[in-house]
Amino acid sequence: MNELMAARSLTTRPVVTLGGDAVAQVKDTVFDAEAGRITGFTLSGRGLLSGPLRESLPWPAVHALGHDAVLVRDRRELAETAAVMARREAAQGRVLGARVLTDAGTDVGTVLDVVVEGGGSGRVVGFRVAASKSLAPGSRRRRRQVYVPRGETLAVSGRALVLPADAVRHVVGSLDELAALAAGGVPGHRREPSS
């Protein structure tokens, strides 16, 4: 399994050709929440004063999503931003701040970030969530962030994500634990969030 990374950490990651030319940097990650895949990236120019580009990077043009850069074969792989943003999936991909519920009606918390697999898959494997009181008892200040695996099915409805109830049994406290779980870690493992 490839390295897992938070979608927010991809912001400002350079987009580099296989020839070594830095052509842009990631502005935002766009994904299809129901399919659980990145559909592309909106881009900005390189440097602090550079604004958004009119071009975007559709996922099929990505050679690899790495720890330090997004690799593309050639600059010609970039497309008009509308090609990524106008897709039906882009509207569904706005999940930051969304409420997370199970299909059994349990409030899990609020989405803080989306966790994606690097390499060539672009697969969404889970979410970093501000845990609800039912998931992590205690005062709001003492509750913590947890990682919830995506599960096999996921429904997106307005400003809510609905996960299978089984996904909550696999809540973990760190990105490393989520990576182990996604790679076939201990089935049924549930790490109780501590306060």
N, C-alpha and C. Protein backbone atom coordinates (compact mmCIF):
# COMPACT_ATOMS: atom_id res chain seq x y z
N MET A 1 0.84 -1.18 0.00
CA MET A 1 0.00 0.00 0.00
C MET A 1 0.88 1.24 0.00
N ASN A 2 0.46 2.26 -0.73
CA ASN A 2 1.18 3.52 -0.78
C ASN A 2 0.93 4.34 0.47
N GLU A 3 1.74 5.36 0.65
CA GLU A 3 1.63 6.26 1.79
C GLU A 3 0.26 6.94 1.81
N LEU A 4 -0.29 7.11 3.01
CA LEU A 4 -1.54 7.86 3.16
C LEU A 4 -1.21 9.30 3.49
N MET A 5 -2.02 10.20 2.96
CA MET A 5 -1.81 11.62 3.23
C MET A 5 -3.14 12.35 3.33
N ALA A 6 -3.14 13.41 4.12
CA ALA A 6 -4.33 14.23 4.26
C ALA A 6 -4.46 15.14 3.04
N ALA A 7 -5.68 15.28 2.54
CA ALA A 7 -5.91 16.11 1.35
C ALA A 7 -5.46 17.54 1.58
N ARG A 8 -5.66 18.06 2.78
CA ARG A 8 -5.23 19.44 3.06
C ARG A 8 -3.71 19.59 2.95
N SER A 9 -2.98 18.52 3.21
CA SER A 9 -1.51 18.60 3.12
C SER A 9 -1.05 18.69 1.67
N LEU A 10 -1.94 18.41 0.72
CA LEU A 10 -1.57 18.48 -0.68
C LEU A 10 -1.55 19.92 -1.21
N THR A 11 -2.20 20.83 -0.50
CA THR A 11 -2.23 22.23 -0.91
C THR A 11 -0.80 22.76 -0.96
N THR A 12 -0.46 23.40 -2.02
CA THR A 12 0.85 23.98 -2.35
C THR A 12 1.89 22.92 -2.75
N ARG A 13 1.50 21.65 -2.83
CA ARG A 13 2.45 20.64 -3.30
C ARG A 13 2.74 20.92 -4.77
N PRO A 14 4.03 20.91 -5.17
CA PRO A 14 4.36 21.21 -6.56
C PRO A 14 3.87 20.13 -7.52
N VAL A 15 3.50 20.57 -8.72
CA VAL A 15 3.16 19.67 -9.83
C VAL A 15 4.37 19.71 -10.75
N VAL A 16 5.00 18.54 -10.93
CA VAL A 16 6.28 18.46 -11.63
C VAL A 16 6.17 17.43 -12.76
N THR A 17 6.75 17.77 -13.90
CA THR A 17 6.77 16.82 -15.02
C THR A 17 7.84 15.77 -14.77
N LEU A 18 7.74 14.65 -15.48
CA LEU A 18 8.76 13.61 -15.36
C LEU A 18 10.12 14.12 -15.85
N GLY A 19 10.12 15.20 -16.62
CA GLY A 19 11.36 15.83 -17.05
C GLY A 19 11.95 16.77 -16.01
N GLY A 20 11.25 16.97 -14.89
CA GLY A 20 11.76 17.79 -13.79
C GLY A 20 11.32 19.23 -13.78
N ASP A 21 10.41 19.61 -14.66
CA ASP A 21 9.93 21.00 -14.69
C ASP A 21 8.76 21.18 -13.73
N ALA A 22 8.87 22.15 -12.81
CA ALA A 22 7.77 22.48 -11.91
C ALA A 22 6.82 23.39 -12.69
N VAL A 23 5.59 22.94 -12.92
CA VAL A 23 4.67 23.68 -13.78
C VAL A 23 3.55 24.39 -13.01
N ALA A 24 3.31 24.00 -11.77
CA ALA A 24 2.23 24.59 -10.99
C ALA A 24 2.34 24.08 -9.56
N GLN A 25 1.34 24.44 -8.76
CA GLN A 25 1.20 23.84 -7.44
C GLN A 25 -0.27 23.60 -7.17
N VAL A 26 -0.56 22.63 -6.32
CA VAL A 26 -1.94 22.25 -6.02
C VAL A 26 -2.59 23.37 -5.21
N LYS A 27 -3.78 23.75 -5.64
CA LYS A 27 -4.58 24.72 -4.89
C LYS A 27 -5.61 23.97 -4.06
N ASP A 28 -6.41 23.12 -4.70
CA ASP A 28 -7.44 22.34 -4.01
C ASP A 28 -7.51 20.94 -4.61
N THR A 29 -7.94 20.01 -3.77
CA THR A 29 -8.16 18.63 -4.22
C THR A 29 -9.65 18.44 -4.44
N VAL A 30 -10.02 17.91 -5.59
CA VAL A 30 -11.42 17.65 -5.92
C VAL A 30 -11.59 16.14 -5.97
N PHE A 31 -12.65 15.63 -5.32
CA PHE A 31 -12.86 14.20 -5.37
C PHE A 31 -14.33 13.85 -5.42
N ASP A 32 -14.58 12.66 -5.87
CA ASP A 32 -15.93 12.08 -5.93
C ASP A 32 -16.09 11.30 -4.63
N ALA A 33 -16.85 11.85 -3.70
CA ALA A 33 -16.99 11.23 -2.38
C ALA A 33 -17.64 9.85 -2.46
N GLU A 34 -18.64 9.70 -3.31
CA GLU A 34 -19.33 8.41 -3.38
C GLU A 34 -18.45 7.32 -3.97
N ALA A 35 -17.67 7.67 -4.99
CA ALA A 35 -16.77 6.68 -5.60
C ALA A 35 -15.51 6.51 -4.78
N GLY A 36 -15.22 7.50 -3.91
CA GLY A 36 -14.05 7.41 -3.06
C GLY A 36 -12.74 7.60 -3.80
N ARG A 37 -12.71 8.50 -4.77
CA ARG A 37 -11.50 8.73 -5.58
C ARG A 37 -11.31 10.22 -5.82
N ILE A 38 -10.04 10.61 -5.94
CA ILE A 38 -9.72 11.97 -6.37
C ILE A 38 -10.08 12.08 -7.84
N THR A 39 -10.71 13.19 -8.23
CA THR A 39 -11.01 13.41 -9.64
C THR A 39 -10.06 14.42 -10.27
N GLY A 40 -9.34 15.17 -9.44
CA GLY A 40 -8.37 16.10 -9.98
C GLY A 40 -7.97 17.15 -8.97
N PHE A 41 -7.21 18.13 -9.47
CA PHE A 41 -6.72 19.23 -8.64
C PHE A 41 -6.94 20.54 -9.36
N THR A 42 -7.35 21.57 -8.61
CA THR A 42 -7.26 22.91 -9.15
C THR A 42 -5.84 23.37 -8.85
N LEU A 43 -5.34 24.31 -9.65
CA LEU A 43 -3.93 24.68 -9.56
C LEU A 43 -3.74 26.17 -9.39
N SER A 44 -2.59 26.52 -8.85
CA SER A 44 -2.14 27.91 -8.82
C SER A 44 -0.72 27.93 -9.33
N GLY A 45 -0.25 29.14 -9.65
CA GLY A 45 1.12 29.27 -10.12
C GLY A 45 2.10 29.02 -8.98
N ARG A 46 3.34 28.89 -9.33
CA ARG A 46 4.38 28.66 -8.33
C ARG A 46 4.75 29.98 -7.67
N GLY A 47 4.91 30.01 -6.37
CA GLY A 47 5.34 31.21 -5.66
C GLY A 47 4.21 31.86 -4.89
N LEU A 48 4.58 32.70 -3.94
CA LEU A 48 3.62 33.33 -3.04
C LEU A 48 2.64 34.27 -3.73
N LEU A 49 3.09 34.99 -4.72
CA LEU A 49 2.23 35.98 -5.36
C LEU A 49 1.49 35.45 -6.58
N SER A 50 1.65 34.21 -6.86
CA SER A 50 0.96 33.62 -8.02
C SER A 50 -0.48 33.31 -7.67
N GLY A 51 -1.36 33.59 -8.58
CA GLY A 51 -2.77 33.34 -8.37
C GLY A 51 -3.19 32.02 -8.98
N PRO A 52 -4.51 31.76 -8.96
CA PRO A 52 -5.02 30.51 -9.54
C PRO A 52 -4.77 30.46 -11.04
N LEU A 53 -4.55 29.27 -11.53
CA LEU A 53 -4.36 29.06 -12.97
C LEU A 53 -5.71 28.75 -13.61
N ARG A 54 -5.81 28.98 -14.88
CA ARG A 54 -7.02 28.63 -15.63
C ARG A 54 -7.02 27.14 -15.95
N GLU A 55 -5.90 26.51 -15.72
CA GLU A 55 -5.77 25.07 -15.98
C GLU A 55 -5.91 24.29 -14.69
N SER A 56 -6.34 23.07 -14.82
CA SER A 56 -6.43 22.15 -13.68
C SER A 56 -5.76 20.85 -14.08
N LEU A 57 -5.70 19.93 -13.15
CA LEU A 57 -5.07 18.65 -13.40
C LEU A 57 -6.08 17.54 -13.16
N PRO A 58 -6.65 16.95 -14.22
CA PRO A 58 -7.56 15.83 -14.03
C PRO A 58 -6.78 14.59 -13.54
N TRP A 59 -7.39 13.78 -12.68
CA TRP A 59 -6.69 12.64 -12.11
C TRP A 59 -6.09 11.70 -13.15
N PRO A 60 -6.76 11.39 -14.24
CA PRO A 60 -6.15 10.47 -15.22
C PRO A 60 -4.80 10.97 -15.76
N ALA A 61 -4.51 12.26 -15.63
CA ALA A 61 -3.24 12.80 -16.11
C ALA A 61 -2.12 12.68 -15.07
N VAL A 62 -2.47 12.29 -13.84
CA VAL A 62 -1.46 12.17 -12.77
C VAL A 62 -0.68 10.88 -12.96
N HIS A 63 0.63 11.01 -13.02
CA HIS A 63 1.50 9.83 -13.09
C HIS A 63 1.64 9.23 -11.70
N ALA A 64 1.86 10.09 -10.69
CA ALA A 64 1.98 9.61 -9.31
C ALA A 64 1.75 10.77 -8.34
N LEU A 65 1.11 10.45 -7.23
CA LEU A 65 0.93 11.38 -6.13
C LEU A 65 1.94 10.97 -5.08
N GLY A 66 2.98 11.78 -4.92
CA GLY A 66 4.04 11.43 -4.00
C GLY A 66 4.07 12.30 -2.76
N HIS A 67 4.95 11.95 -1.85
CA HIS A 67 5.09 12.68 -0.58
C HIS A 67 5.49 14.13 -0.81
N ASP A 68 6.31 14.38 -1.84
CA ASP A 68 6.83 15.73 -2.06
C ASP A 68 6.31 16.43 -3.30
N ALA A 69 5.67 15.70 -4.22
CA ALA A 69 5.21 16.32 -5.46
C ALA A 69 4.13 15.46 -6.12
N VAL A 70 3.37 16.12 -6.99
CA VAL A 70 2.44 15.43 -7.88
C VAL A 70 3.14 15.37 -9.23
N LEU A 71 3.32 14.17 -9.75
CA LEU A 71 4.05 14.00 -11.01
C LEU A 71 3.10 13.82 -12.18
N VAL A 72 3.41 14.51 -13.28
CA VAL A 72 2.68 14.37 -14.54
C VAL A 72 3.71 14.07 -15.63
N ARG A 73 3.27 13.42 -16.68
CA ARG A 73 4.20 13.11 -17.77
C ARG A 73 4.68 14.37 -18.48
N ASP A 74 3.76 15.29 -18.71
CA ASP A 74 4.08 16.47 -19.51
C ASP A 74 3.13 17.60 -19.14
N ARG A 75 3.55 18.84 -19.34
CA ARG A 75 2.70 19.99 -19.04
C ARG A 75 1.41 19.96 -19.85
N ARG A 76 1.44 19.33 -21.00
CA ARG A 76 0.24 19.26 -21.85
C ARG A 76 -0.87 18.43 -21.22
N GLU A 77 -0.59 17.76 -20.10
CA GLU A 77 -1.60 16.97 -19.39
C GLU A 77 -2.61 17.87 -18.67
N LEU A 78 -2.24 19.14 -18.43
CA LEU A 78 -3.14 20.06 -17.74
C LEU A 78 -4.32 20.38 -18.65
N ALA A 79 -5.49 20.61 -18.05
CA ALA A 79 -6.72 20.89 -18.81
C ALA A 79 -7.36 22.15 -18.24
N GLU A 80 -8.38 22.66 -18.91
CA GLU A 80 -9.11 23.81 -18.38
C GLU A 80 -9.73 23.45 -17.03
N THR A 81 -9.75 24.41 -16.13
CA THR A 81 -10.27 24.17 -14.78
C THR A 81 -11.71 23.66 -14.84
N ALA A 82 -12.48 24.16 -15.77
CA ALA A 82 -13.87 23.70 -15.89
C ALA A 82 -13.96 22.19 -16.11
N ALA A 83 -12.93 21.59 -16.69
CA ALA A 83 -12.95 20.15 -16.94
C ALA A 83 -13.00 19.35 -15.65
N VAL A 84 -12.41 19.87 -14.59
CA VAL A 84 -12.44 19.19 -13.29
C VAL A 84 -13.60 19.70 -12.45
N MET A 85 -13.81 21.00 -12.41
CA MET A 85 -14.80 21.59 -11.52
C MET A 85 -16.23 21.46 -12.02
N ALA A 86 -16.45 21.33 -13.31
CA ALA A 86 -17.80 21.25 -13.85
C ALA A 86 -18.39 19.86 -13.73
N ARG A 87 -17.57 18.90 -13.37
CA ARG A 87 -18.06 17.53 -13.28
C ARG A 87 -19.01 17.36 -12.11
N ARG A 88 -19.93 16.45 -12.22
CA ARG A 88 -20.91 16.17 -11.17
C ARG A 88 -20.22 15.84 -9.85
N GLU A 89 -19.07 15.15 -9.93
CA GLU A 89 -18.38 14.71 -8.74
C GLU A 89 -17.86 15.87 -7.90
N ALA A 90 -17.51 16.99 -8.56
CA ALA A 90 -16.93 18.12 -7.83
C ALA A 90 -17.92 18.66 -6.80
N ALA A 91 -19.19 18.73 -7.17
CA ALA A 91 -20.20 19.23 -6.24
C ALA A 91 -20.36 18.28 -5.06
N GLN A 92 -20.18 16.99 -5.28
CA GLN A 92 -20.32 16.03 -4.19
C GLN A 92 -19.09 15.99 -3.31
N GLY A 93 -17.96 16.52 -3.78
CA GLY A 93 -16.72 16.39 -3.07
C GLY A 93 -16.49 17.39 -1.96
N ARG A 94 -17.44 18.25 -1.70
CA ARG A 94 -17.28 19.25 -0.66
C ARG A 94 -17.73 18.67 0.67
N VAL A 95 -16.83 17.99 1.34
CA VAL A 95 -17.21 17.31 2.57
C VAL A 95 -16.55 17.88 3.82
N LEU A 96 -15.58 18.79 3.66
CA LEU A 96 -14.95 19.37 4.84
C LEU A 96 -16.01 20.13 5.63
N GLY A 97 -16.10 19.86 6.91
CA GLY A 97 -17.11 20.47 7.76
C GLY A 97 -18.42 19.72 7.78
N ALA A 98 -18.55 18.68 6.96
CA ALA A 98 -19.80 17.91 6.92
C ALA A 98 -19.94 17.05 8.17
N ARG A 99 -21.16 16.79 8.53
CA ARG A 99 -21.47 15.89 9.64
C ARG A 99 -21.28 14.46 9.18
N VAL A 100 -20.74 13.61 10.04
CA VAL A 100 -20.56 12.20 9.73
C VAL A 100 -21.54 11.41 10.59
N LEU A 101 -22.37 10.61 9.91
CA LEU A 101 -23.36 9.77 10.59
C LEU A 101 -23.17 8.34 10.13
N THR A 102 -23.60 7.39 10.95
CA THR A 102 -23.62 6.00 10.48
C THR A 102 -24.99 5.71 9.92
N ASP A 103 -25.10 4.62 9.16
CA ASP A 103 -26.40 4.24 8.62
C ASP A 103 -27.34 3.73 9.71
N ALA A 104 -26.83 3.64 10.95
CA ALA A 104 -27.68 3.29 12.09
C ALA A 104 -28.10 4.54 12.86
N GLY A 105 -27.69 5.73 12.37
CA GLY A 105 -28.12 6.98 12.98
C GLY A 105 -27.20 7.52 14.06
N THR A 106 -26.00 6.98 14.23
CA THR A 106 -25.06 7.46 15.23
C THR A 106 -24.25 8.63 14.70
N ASP A 107 -24.19 9.70 15.50
CA ASP A 107 -23.39 10.87 15.13
C ASP A 107 -21.94 10.56 15.44
N VAL A 108 -21.09 10.60 14.43
CA VAL A 108 -19.67 10.29 14.59
C VAL A 108 -18.87 11.56 14.85
N GLY A 109 -19.23 12.66 14.20
CA GLY A 109 -18.51 13.92 14.38
C GLY A 109 -18.56 14.75 13.12
N THR A 110 -17.52 15.56 12.91
CA THR A 110 -17.45 16.48 11.79
C THR A 110 -16.15 16.25 11.02
N VAL A 111 -16.24 16.23 9.69
CA VAL A 111 -15.08 15.98 8.84
C VAL A 111 -14.12 17.17 8.91
N LEU A 112 -12.86 16.87 9.27
CA LEU A 112 -11.80 17.88 9.27
C LEU A 112 -10.91 17.75 8.04
N ASP A 113 -10.75 16.52 7.55
CA ASP A 113 -9.90 16.29 6.39
C ASP A 113 -10.24 14.95 5.77
N VAL A 114 -9.79 14.78 4.54
CA VAL A 114 -9.97 13.54 3.78
C VAL A 114 -8.60 12.89 3.66
N VAL A 115 -8.52 11.59 3.91
CA VAL A 115 -7.25 10.87 3.82
C VAL A 115 -7.23 10.08 2.51
N VAL A 116 -6.19 10.33 1.70
CA VAL A 116 -6.07 9.70 0.39
C VAL A 116 -4.80 8.85 0.33
N GLU A 117 -4.82 7.88 -0.57
CA GLU A 117 -3.67 7.03 -0.80
C GLU A 117 -2.82 7.65 -1.90
N GLY A 118 -1.51 7.71 -1.67
CA GLY A 118 -0.59 8.24 -2.67
C GLY A 118 -0.39 7.25 -3.79
N GLY A 119 0.60 7.51 -4.63
CA GLY A 119 0.88 6.64 -5.76
C GLY A 119 -0.05 6.96 -6.91
N GLY A 120 -0.57 5.94 -7.56
CA GLY A 120 -1.40 6.15 -8.73
C GLY A 120 -2.87 5.90 -8.52
N SER A 121 -3.27 5.53 -7.29
CA SER A 121 -4.68 5.14 -7.11
C SER A 121 -5.61 6.33 -6.89
N GLY A 122 -5.20 7.31 -6.09
CA GLY A 122 -6.07 8.43 -5.77
C GLY A 122 -7.26 8.02 -4.92
N ARG A 123 -7.16 6.90 -4.26
CA ARG A 123 -8.27 6.34 -3.48
C ARG A 123 -8.42 7.05 -2.14
N VAL A 124 -9.65 7.39 -1.78
CA VAL A 124 -9.95 7.94 -0.46
C VAL A 124 -10.10 6.75 0.48
N VAL A 125 -9.31 6.74 1.56
CA VAL A 125 -9.35 5.60 2.49
C VAL A 125 -10.03 5.93 3.80
N GLY A 126 -10.20 7.21 4.10
CA GLY A 126 -10.85 7.56 5.36
C GLY A 126 -10.95 9.05 5.55
N PHE A 127 -11.33 9.41 6.76
CA PHE A 127 -11.55 10.80 7.11
C PHE A 127 -10.97 11.10 8.48
N ARG A 128 -10.41 12.30 8.64
CA ARG A 128 -10.02 12.77 9.97
C ARG A 128 -11.23 13.54 10.48
N VAL A 129 -11.69 13.16 11.66
CA VAL A 129 -12.97 13.63 12.18
C VAL A 129 -12.79 14.21 13.58
N ALA A 130 -13.46 15.34 13.84
CA ALA A 130 -13.57 15.85 15.20
C ALA A 130 -14.67 15.01 15.85
N ALA A 131 -14.28 14.15 16.77
CA ALA A 131 -15.19 13.15 17.34
C ALA A 131 -16.36 13.79 18.07
N SER A 132 -17.53 13.16 17.91
CA SER A 132 -18.73 13.60 18.64
C SER A 132 -18.66 13.08 20.06
N LYS A 133 -19.56 13.59 20.89
CA LYS A 133 -19.61 13.17 22.29
C LYS A 133 -19.91 11.68 22.41
N SER A 134 -20.75 11.15 21.52
CA SER A 134 -21.09 9.73 21.59
C SER A 134 -19.90 8.83 21.24
N LEU A 135 -18.99 9.33 20.44
CA LEU A 135 -17.83 8.55 20.04
C LEU A 135 -16.67 8.71 21.02
N ALA A 136 -16.48 9.93 21.52
CA ALA A 136 -15.39 10.22 22.46
C ALA A 136 -15.96 11.07 23.58
N PRO A 137 -16.45 10.42 24.65
CA PRO A 137 -17.07 11.16 25.75
C PRO A 137 -16.10 12.17 26.36
N GLY A 138 -16.68 13.18 26.98
CA GLY A 138 -15.89 14.22 27.63
C GLY A 138 -16.30 15.58 27.14
N SER A 139 -15.68 16.60 27.71
CA SER A 139 -15.99 17.95 27.28
C SER A 139 -15.47 18.17 25.86
N ARG A 140 -16.02 19.15 25.20
CA ARG A 140 -15.62 19.44 23.82
C ARG A 140 -14.12 19.69 23.73
N ARG A 141 -13.55 20.33 24.73
CA ARG A 141 -12.11 20.62 24.73
C ARG A 141 -11.28 19.35 24.89
N ARG A 142 -11.83 18.35 25.58
CA ARG A 142 -11.06 17.14 25.85
C ARG A 142 -11.24 16.07 24.78
N ARG A 143 -12.30 16.21 23.96
CA ARG A 143 -12.47 15.26 22.88
C ARG A 143 -11.39 15.46 21.86
N ARG A 144 -11.17 14.46 21.05
CA ARG A 144 -10.05 14.58 20.13
C ARG A 144 -10.42 14.19 18.72
N GLN A 145 -9.44 14.32 17.88
CA GLN A 145 -9.62 13.95 16.49
C GLN A 145 -9.32 12.47 16.33
N VAL A 146 -10.12 11.82 15.51
CA VAL A 146 -9.94 10.40 15.24
C VAL A 146 -9.96 10.19 13.72
N TYR A 147 -9.56 9.01 13.31
CA TYR A 147 -9.59 8.64 11.90
C TYR A 147 -10.62 7.53 11.72
N VAL A 148 -11.50 7.74 10.76
CA VAL A 148 -12.56 6.78 10.48
C VAL A 148 -12.34 6.25 9.07
N PRO A 149 -12.26 4.92 8.91
CA PRO A 149 -12.10 4.38 7.55
C PRO A 149 -13.35 4.65 6.72
N ARG A 150 -13.16 4.76 5.42
CA ARG A 150 -14.25 5.06 4.50
C ARG A 150 -15.27 3.93 4.43
N GLY A 151 -14.84 2.71 4.53
CA GLY A 151 -15.75 1.59 4.39
C GLY A 151 -16.02 1.32 2.92
N GLU A 152 -16.76 0.29 2.65
CA GLU A 152 -17.05 -0.10 1.27
C GLU A 152 -18.11 0.77 0.63
N THR A 153 -19.03 1.26 1.44
CA THR A 153 -20.09 2.11 0.89
C THR A 153 -20.09 3.44 1.61
N LEU A 154 -20.49 4.46 0.90
CA LEU A 154 -20.51 5.80 1.46
C LEU A 154 -21.59 6.57 0.72
N ALA A 155 -22.43 7.25 1.48
CA ALA A 155 -23.46 8.09 0.86
C ALA A 155 -23.19 9.54 1.25
N VAL A 156 -23.34 10.43 0.30
CA VAL A 156 -23.18 11.85 0.55
C VAL A 156 -24.52 12.50 0.30
N SER A 157 -25.04 13.19 1.31
CA SER A 157 -26.34 13.82 1.18
C SER A 157 -26.25 15.23 1.74
N GLY A 158 -26.22 16.21 0.83
CA GLY A 158 -26.12 17.59 1.28
C GLY A 158 -24.83 17.82 2.04
N ARG A 159 -24.94 18.13 3.31
CA ARG A 159 -23.77 18.40 4.13
C ARG A 159 -23.51 17.28 5.13
N ALA A 160 -23.83 16.05 4.74
CA ALA A 160 -23.59 14.92 5.64
C ALA A 160 -23.01 13.74 4.87
N LEU A 161 -22.14 13.01 5.55
CA LEU A 161 -21.62 11.74 5.04
C LEU A 161 -22.28 10.65 5.85
N VAL A 162 -22.72 9.61 5.19
CA VAL A 162 -23.31 8.48 5.91
C VAL A 162 -22.43 7.27 5.64
N LEU A 163 -21.82 6.76 6.70
CA LEU A 163 -20.93 5.60 6.64
C LEU A 163 -21.63 4.37 7.16
N PRO A 164 -21.17 3.18 6.78
CA PRO A 164 -21.71 1.98 7.38
C PRO A 164 -21.40 1.97 8.88
N ALA A 165 -22.31 1.48 9.69
CA ALA A 165 -22.10 1.43 11.14
C ALA A 165 -20.83 0.67 11.47
N ASP A 166 -20.48 -0.32 10.67
CA ASP A 166 -19.28 -1.12 10.88
C ASP A 166 -18.00 -0.28 10.85
N ALA A 167 -17.99 0.80 10.07
CA ALA A 167 -16.79 1.64 9.96
C ALA A 167 -16.41 2.25 11.30
N VAL A 168 -17.39 2.54 12.14
CA VAL A 168 -17.12 3.15 13.43
C VAL A 168 -16.42 2.17 14.37
N ARG A 169 -16.59 0.89 14.14
CA ARG A 169 -15.89 -0.11 14.97
C ARG A 169 -14.39 -0.04 14.75
N HIS A 170 -13.98 0.56 13.65
CA HIS A 170 -12.56 0.60 13.30
C HIS A 170 -11.95 1.98 13.46
N VAL A 171 -12.53 2.81 14.32
CA VAL A 171 -12.00 4.14 14.57
C VAL A 171 -10.61 4.00 15.19
N VAL A 172 -9.65 4.79 14.68
CA VAL A 172 -8.29 4.75 15.20
C VAL A 172 -7.84 6.17 15.53
N GLY A 173 -6.74 6.29 16.25
CA GLY A 173 -6.28 7.59 16.72
C GLY A 173 -5.18 8.24 15.92
N SER A 174 -4.63 7.55 14.92
CA SER A 174 -3.53 8.16 14.16
C SER A 174 -3.57 7.73 12.69
N LEU A 175 -2.88 8.49 11.88
CA LEU A 175 -2.78 8.18 10.45
C LEU A 175 -2.05 6.85 10.24
N ASP A 176 -1.05 6.57 11.07
CA ASP A 176 -0.32 5.30 10.97
C ASP A 176 -1.24 4.11 11.24
N GLU A 177 -2.12 4.24 12.22
CA GLU A 177 -3.06 3.17 12.53
C GLU A 177 -4.07 2.98 11.40
N LEU A 178 -4.49 4.09 10.78
CA LEU A 178 -5.41 3.99 9.64
C LEU A 178 -4.71 3.28 8.48
N ALA A 179 -3.43 3.60 8.26
CA ALA A 179 -2.66 2.95 7.19
C ALA A 179 -2.58 1.44 7.44
N ALA A 180 -2.34 1.04 8.69
CA ALA A 180 -2.26 -0.38 9.02
C ALA A 180 -3.61 -1.06 8.80
N LEU A 181 -4.67 -0.39 9.18
CA LEU A 181 -6.02 -0.93 8.99
C LEU A 181 -6.34 -1.07 7.51
N ALA A 182 -5.99 -0.05 6.72
CA ALA A 182 -6.26 -0.08 5.27
C ALA A 182 -5.43 -1.15 4.58
N ALA A 183 -4.28 -1.47 5.15
CA ALA A 183 -3.40 -2.49 4.56
C ALA A 183 -3.77 -3.89 5.04
N GLY A 184 -4.88 -4.02 5.74
CA GLY A 184 -5.31 -5.35 6.19
C GLY A 184 -4.95 -5.63 7.62
N GLY A 185 -4.96 -4.58 8.45
CA GLY A 185 -4.65 -4.74 9.87
C GLY A 185 -5.65 -5.65 10.56
N VAL A 186 -5.60 -5.67 11.84
CA VAL A 186 -6.40 -6.58 12.65
C VAL A 186 -7.89 -6.32 12.44
N PRO A 187 -8.64 -7.30 11.89
CA PRO A 187 -10.08 -7.11 11.70
C PRO A 187 -10.78 -6.96 13.05
N GLY A 188 -11.77 -6.09 13.06
CA GLY A 188 -12.54 -5.90 14.29
C GLY A 188 -11.80 -5.07 15.32
N HIS A 189 -10.60 -4.64 15.01
CA HIS A 189 -9.82 -3.82 15.94
C HIS A 189 -10.53 -2.50 16.14
N ARG A 190 -10.75 -2.16 17.36
CA ARG A 190 -11.32 -0.85 17.67
C ARG A 190 -10.50 -0.23 18.76
N ARG A 191 -9.97 0.89 18.47
CA ARG A 191 -9.20 1.61 19.46
C ARG A 191 -10.13 2.66 20.06
N GLU A 192 -10.35 2.55 21.35
CA GLU A 192 -11.22 3.51 22.01
C GLU A 192 -10.50 4.83 22.14
N PRO A 193 -11.10 5.91 21.65
CA PRO A 193 -10.46 7.22 21.81
C PRO A 193 -10.34 7.57 23.28
N SER A 194 -9.20 8.07 23.68
CA SER A 194 -9.02 8.47 25.07
C SER A 194 -9.27 9.95 25.19
N SER A 195 -9.59 10.38 26.38
CA SER A 195 -9.88 11.81 26.55
C SER A 195 -8.65 12.60 26.87
